[in-house]
Amino acid sequence: MDIFGMLGAIAAGPGRVVARTEVKGLTISTVFTVDAGYETAVLDANGTHPVERYPDEEAAKKGHRRWVRAAPKLTTIKKLGYGDLVDDEELELVREN
C-alpha cells in the first residue's frame, strides 16, 4: 500500500467488527480493516496492539477464539508492525482494573 492508500484507510475510520470480547482486564478485538484486512488486536491500558492477521473471516473468527482462550494468562505479546514501515515489537501488557 502506498502513502495515499494508507491515508485513505486512516480517514475511513475503524473497520467492521467481527468479534469483541473482554477478558480479565484485556479486550480482544477482531475486525476487518481497509488497510490490513482481518486482524485481531489486544487492547490494554496502554492502547491497541495488533497481534494476528488472517486471510478470511472464518480464519479471523477462529483466531479470535484462540486469543480469547489465551488472554487470561497473557503477560506479553508480539505487536505486529505495519509492512516495511513499522517493525514488530514485544510488549508487556498492562491490564485495566
Protein backbone atom coordinates (compact mmCIF):
# COMPACT_ATOMS: atom_id res chain seq x y z
CA MET A 1 0.00 0.00 0.00
CA ASP A 2 1.35 3.44 -0.88
CA ILE A 3 1.14 6.52 1.35
CA PHE A 4 -2.13 7.68 -0.26
CA GLY A 5 -3.76 4.31 0.33
CA MET A 6 -2.64 4.37 3.95
CA LEU A 7 -4.01 7.88 4.45
CA GLY A 8 -7.30 6.84 2.87
CA ALA A 9 -7.54 3.86 5.20
CA ILE A 10 -6.92 6.07 8.21
CA ALA A 11 -9.58 8.53 7.03
CA ALA A 12 -12.07 5.66 6.58
CA GLY A 13 -12.00 5.05 10.34
CA PRO A 14 -12.27 1.79 12.25
CA GLY A 15 -13.07 -1.41 10.43
CA ARG A 16 -16.04 -3.75 10.59
CA VAL A 17 -16.17 -5.63 13.88
CA VAL A 18 -16.02 -9.41 13.61
CA ALA A 19 -15.90 -10.07 17.39
CA ARG A 20 -15.04 -8.22 20.60
CA THR A 21 -14.55 -9.92 23.98
CA GLU A 22 -13.42 -8.58 27.36
CA VAL A 23 -11.26 -10.95 29.39
CA LYS A 24 -9.66 -10.14 32.77
CA GLY A 25 -8.69 -6.53 32.07
CA LEU A 26 -7.96 -7.01 28.35
CA THR A 27 -10.16 -6.65 25.30
CA ILE A 28 -9.70 -8.99 22.35
CA SER A 29 -10.97 -7.27 19.21
CA THR A 30 -11.13 -8.79 15.73
CA VAL A 31 -12.05 -6.53 12.83
CA PHE A 32 -11.79 -6.17 9.08
CA THR A 33 -9.72 -3.10 8.17
CA VAL A 34 -9.28 -1.47 4.79
CA ASP A 35 -5.51 -1.44 5.02
CA ALA A 36 -4.66 -4.75 6.77
CA GLY A 37 -7.68 -6.98 6.18
CA TYR A 38 -8.84 -9.23 9.02
CA GLU A 39 -6.85 -8.82 12.21
CA THR A 40 -7.04 -9.41 15.94
CA ALA A 41 -5.74 -6.86 18.42
CA VAL A 42 -5.26 -6.99 22.17
CA LEU A 43 -6.34 -3.79 23.91
CA ASP A 44 -4.82 -2.99 27.29
CA ALA A 45 -4.35 0.10 29.47
CA ASN A 46 -1.69 1.37 27.04
CA GLY A 47 -3.59 1.05 23.77
CA THR A 48 -4.39 -1.21 20.84
CA HIS A 49 -1.88 -3.85 19.76
CA PRO A 50 -2.47 -5.89 16.56
CA VAL A 51 -1.31 -9.46 17.16
CA GLU A 52 -2.51 -11.60 14.23
CA ARG A 53 -3.77 -11.16 10.66
CA TYR A 54 -5.88 -13.59 8.64
CA PRO A 55 -6.72 -14.38 5.01
CA ASP A 56 -10.51 -14.52 5.53
CA GLU A 57 -13.37 -14.10 8.01
CA GLU A 58 -13.57 -17.75 9.05
CA ALA A 59 -9.87 -17.78 9.99
CA ALA A 60 -10.39 -14.48 11.84
CA LYS A 61 -13.22 -15.96 13.93
CA LYS A 62 -11.09 -18.99 14.82
CA GLY A 63 -8.15 -16.77 15.66
CA HIS A 64 -10.34 -14.57 17.84
CA ARG A 65 -11.49 -17.58 19.86
CA ARG A 66 -7.87 -18.72 20.25
CA TRP A 67 -6.82 -15.29 21.61
CA VAL A 68 -9.80 -15.20 23.99
CA ARG A 69 -8.76 -18.59 25.41
CA ALA A 70 -5.15 -17.39 25.80
CA ALA A 71 -6.00 -13.96 27.26
CA PRO A 72 -6.28 -14.90 30.97
CA LYS A 73 -2.60 -15.94 31.04
CA LEU A 74 -1.09 -13.39 28.63
CA THR A 75 1.65 -11.19 30.06
CA THR A 76 3.47 -10.22 26.86
CA ILE A 77 2.60 -10.12 23.18
CA LYS A 78 4.31 -9.57 19.86
CA LYS A 79 2.67 -6.42 18.46
CA LEU A 80 2.60 -6.64 14.68
CA GLY A 81 4.23 -3.89 12.70
CA TYR A 82 2.91 -2.35 9.51
CA GLY A 83 4.52 -3.58 6.30
CA ASP A 84 8.03 -2.20 5.86
CA LEU A 85 7.16 0.98 7.77
CA VAL A 86 6.89 -0.27 11.37
CA ASP A 87 8.67 -3.30 12.86
CA ASP A 88 7.07 -5.89 15.13
CA GLU A 89 7.80 -5.40 18.84
CA GLU A 90 7.49 -7.33 22.09
CA LEU A 91 5.23 -5.62 24.63
CA GLU A 92 4.36 -6.25 28.25
CA LEU A 93 0.59 -6.00 28.75
CA VAL A 94 -0.96 -3.69 31.37
CA ARG A 95 -4.41 -4.89 32.35
CA GLU A 96 -7.28 -2.49 33.04
CA ASN A 97 -8.62 -2.61 36.59
